[in-house]
Amino acid sequence: MVATSENILDKHLRPILKDLLAQCNDGNRRKFARIYGDVETMDANKIAYAIAICERTIKKNAESH
């Protein structure tokens, strides 16, 4: 099987995104779901940007406490 960019995203980046979402609060996760839908079915081209958003959200949440 030839490794495609989508296969690589599925294998490596989707689990990272799921872990980051787990670190967000409920409100953040609801907003994410409204924008992107489910992590499993979201467009592979949006994963890297979604990871960056989650990282910024986690940092912002930590700073506000």
N, C-alpha and C. Protein backbone atom coordinates (compact mmCIF):
# COMPACT_ATOMS: atom_id res chain seq x y z
N MET A 1 0.84 -1.19 0.00
CA MET A 1 0.00 0.00 0.00
C MET A 1 0.88 1.25 0.00
N VAL A 2 0.56 2.16 -0.85
CA VAL A 2 1.29 3.41 -0.93
C VAL A 2 0.75 4.36 0.13
N ALA A 3 1.66 4.95 0.88
CA ALA A 3 1.25 5.90 1.92
C ALA A 3 0.85 7.21 1.26
N THR A 4 -0.37 7.60 1.47
CA THR A 4 -0.84 8.88 0.95
C THR A 4 -0.88 9.87 2.10
N SER A 5 -0.98 11.13 1.76
CA SER A 5 -1.02 12.13 2.81
C SER A 5 -2.24 11.93 3.70
N GLU A 6 -3.35 11.49 3.13
CA GLU A 6 -4.55 11.26 3.94
C GLU A 6 -4.35 10.09 4.90
N ASN A 7 -3.68 9.02 4.45
CA ASN A 7 -3.39 7.90 5.33
C ASN A 7 -2.50 8.33 6.49
N ILE A 8 -1.52 9.15 6.19
CA ILE A 8 -0.61 9.64 7.23
C ILE A 8 -1.38 10.50 8.23
N LEU A 9 -2.25 11.36 7.72
CA LEU A 9 -3.06 12.20 8.60
C LEU A 9 -3.93 11.33 9.50
N ASP A 10 -4.56 10.33 8.93
CA ASP A 10 -5.42 9.46 9.72
C ASP A 10 -4.64 8.72 10.79
N LYS A 11 -3.48 8.22 10.44
CA LYS A 11 -2.70 7.40 11.37
C LYS A 11 -2.04 8.23 12.48
N HIS A 12 -1.58 9.42 12.15
CA HIS A 12 -0.78 10.17 13.10
C HIS A 12 -1.45 11.43 13.67
N LEU A 13 -2.12 12.19 12.83
CA LEU A 13 -2.63 13.47 13.30
C LEU A 13 -4.03 13.40 13.90
N ARG A 14 -4.89 12.53 13.41
CA ARG A 14 -6.22 12.43 14.01
C ARG A 14 -6.14 12.04 15.50
N PRO A 15 -5.28 11.07 15.87
CA PRO A 15 -5.16 10.76 17.31
C PRO A 15 -4.65 11.94 18.13
N ILE A 16 -3.74 12.73 17.57
CA ILE A 16 -3.24 13.92 18.27
C ILE A 16 -4.39 14.90 18.48
N LEU A 17 -5.18 15.11 17.44
CA LEU A 17 -6.31 16.02 17.53
C LEU A 17 -7.31 15.54 18.59
N LYS A 18 -7.59 14.25 18.61
CA LYS A 18 -8.51 13.70 19.62
C LYS A 18 -7.99 13.95 21.03
N ASP A 19 -6.69 13.76 21.23
CA ASP A 19 -6.10 13.99 22.55
C ASP A 19 -6.20 15.46 22.95
N LEU A 20 -5.94 16.34 22.01
CA LEU A 20 -6.04 17.77 22.30
C LEU A 20 -7.48 18.16 22.63
N LEU A 21 -8.43 17.62 21.89
CA LEU A 21 -9.84 17.92 22.17
C LEU A 21 -10.24 17.46 23.57
N ALA A 22 -9.68 16.35 23.99
CA ALA A 22 -9.98 15.83 25.33
C ALA A 22 -9.49 16.79 26.41
N GLN A 23 -8.49 17.60 26.09
CA GLN A 23 -7.96 18.57 27.05
C GLN A 23 -8.75 19.89 27.06
N CYS A 24 -9.64 20.05 26.10
CA CYS A 24 -10.48 21.24 26.03
C CYS A 24 -11.71 21.06 26.92
N ASN A 25 -12.36 22.16 27.27
CA ASN A 25 -13.56 22.04 28.09
C ASN A 25 -14.77 21.72 27.21
N ASP A 26 -15.90 21.42 27.84
CA ASP A 26 -17.10 21.02 27.11
C ASP A 26 -17.54 22.07 26.09
N GLY A 27 -17.52 23.32 26.49
CA GLY A 27 -17.93 24.39 25.59
C GLY A 27 -17.03 24.47 24.36
N ASN A 28 -15.72 24.30 24.58
CA ASN A 28 -14.78 24.31 23.46
C ASN A 28 -15.06 23.16 22.50
N ARG A 29 -15.35 21.98 23.07
CA ARG A 29 -15.62 20.80 22.23
C ARG A 29 -16.92 20.97 21.44
N ARG A 30 -17.93 21.58 22.05
CA ARG A 30 -19.19 21.82 21.33
C ARG A 30 -18.96 22.78 20.16
N LYS A 31 -18.21 23.84 20.42
CA LYS A 31 -17.92 24.81 19.36
C LYS A 31 -17.12 24.14 18.24
N PHE A 32 -16.14 23.34 18.60
CA PHE A 32 -15.35 22.63 17.61
C PHE A 32 -16.26 21.74 16.75
N ALA A 33 -17.17 21.02 17.39
CA ALA A 33 -18.07 20.12 16.66
C ALA A 33 -18.97 20.89 15.71
N ARG A 34 -19.43 22.09 16.11
CA ARG A 34 -20.25 22.92 15.22
C ARG A 34 -19.47 23.36 13.99
N ILE A 35 -18.19 23.66 14.19
CA ILE A 35 -17.37 24.16 13.09
C ILE A 35 -16.87 23.02 12.19
N TYR A 36 -16.34 21.98 12.80
CA TYR A 36 -15.67 20.92 12.04
C TYR A 36 -16.43 19.61 11.95
N GLY A 37 -17.39 19.40 12.81
CA GLY A 37 -18.05 18.10 12.85
C GLY A 37 -17.21 17.10 13.62
N ASP A 38 -17.37 15.85 13.31
CA ASP A 38 -16.66 14.78 14.01
C ASP A 38 -15.22 14.67 13.50
N VAL A 39 -14.29 14.42 14.41
CA VAL A 39 -12.88 14.29 14.05
C VAL A 39 -12.68 13.16 13.04
N GLU A 40 -13.41 12.08 13.19
CA GLU A 40 -13.24 10.92 12.31
C GLU A 40 -13.64 11.21 10.87
N THR A 41 -14.58 12.12 10.67
CA THR A 41 -15.09 12.35 9.33
C THR A 41 -14.71 13.71 8.76
N MET A 42 -14.00 14.52 9.54
CA MET A 42 -13.65 15.85 9.05
C MET A 42 -12.66 15.76 7.90
N ASP A 43 -12.67 16.75 7.06
CA ASP A 43 -11.80 16.84 5.90
C ASP A 43 -10.34 16.79 6.36
N ALA A 44 -9.57 15.90 5.76
CA ALA A 44 -8.17 15.72 6.15
C ALA A 44 -7.37 17.01 5.99
N ASN A 45 -7.77 17.86 5.05
CA ASN A 45 -7.04 19.11 4.83
C ASN A 45 -7.20 20.10 5.98
N LYS A 46 -8.16 19.87 6.85
CA LYS A 46 -8.42 20.80 7.96
C LYS A 46 -7.77 20.35 9.28
N ILE A 47 -7.20 19.16 9.30
CA ILE A 47 -6.70 18.61 10.56
C ILE A 47 -5.57 19.44 11.16
N ALA A 48 -4.60 19.81 10.37
CA ALA A 48 -3.46 20.57 10.92
C ALA A 48 -3.93 21.90 11.51
N TYR A 49 -4.84 22.58 10.83
CA TYR A 49 -5.36 23.84 11.35
C TYR A 49 -6.16 23.61 12.63
N ALA A 50 -6.94 22.54 12.66
CA ALA A 50 -7.73 22.22 13.86
C ALA A 50 -6.82 21.92 15.05
N ILE A 51 -5.70 21.27 14.80
CA ILE A 51 -4.74 21.01 15.87
C ILE A 51 -4.20 22.33 16.42
N ALA A 52 -3.85 23.25 15.54
CA ALA A 52 -3.34 24.55 15.98
C ALA A 52 -4.38 25.30 16.80
N ILE A 53 -5.64 25.24 16.39
CA ILE A 53 -6.71 25.90 17.14
C ILE A 53 -6.83 25.28 18.54
N CYS A 54 -6.80 23.97 18.60
CA CYS A 54 -6.92 23.29 19.90
C CYS A 54 -5.75 23.66 20.81
N GLU A 55 -4.55 23.69 20.27
CA GLU A 55 -3.38 24.06 21.08
C GLU A 55 -3.53 25.47 21.64
N ARG A 56 -3.98 26.40 20.81
CA ARG A 56 -4.19 27.78 21.29
C ARG A 56 -5.29 27.84 22.34
N THR A 57 -6.35 27.06 22.13
CA THR A 57 -7.47 27.05 23.08
C THR A 57 -7.02 26.51 24.43
N ILE A 58 -6.25 25.44 24.43
CA ILE A 58 -5.75 24.86 25.68
C ILE A 58 -4.89 25.87 26.42
N LYS A 59 -4.02 26.56 25.69
CA LYS A 59 -3.16 27.57 26.31
C LYS A 59 -3.99 28.71 26.88
N LYS A 60 -4.96 29.17 26.13
CA LYS A 60 -5.83 30.25 26.58
C LYS A 60 -6.61 29.83 27.82
N ASN A 61 -7.14 28.62 27.84
CA ASN A 61 -7.87 28.12 29.01
C ASN A 61 -6.97 28.08 30.24
N ALA A 62 -5.72 27.65 30.06
CA ALA A 62 -4.78 27.56 31.18
C ALA A 62 -4.44 28.94 31.72
N GLU A 63 -4.31 29.91 30.84
CA GLU A 63 -3.96 31.27 31.26
C GLU A 63 -5.11 31.96 32.00
N SER A 64 -6.33 31.54 31.71
CA SER A 64 -7.48 32.20 32.35
C SER A 64 -7.78 31.63 33.73
N HIS A 65 -7.06 30.59 34.13
CA HIS A 65 -7.27 30.01 35.47
C HIS A 65 -6.27 30.50 36.45
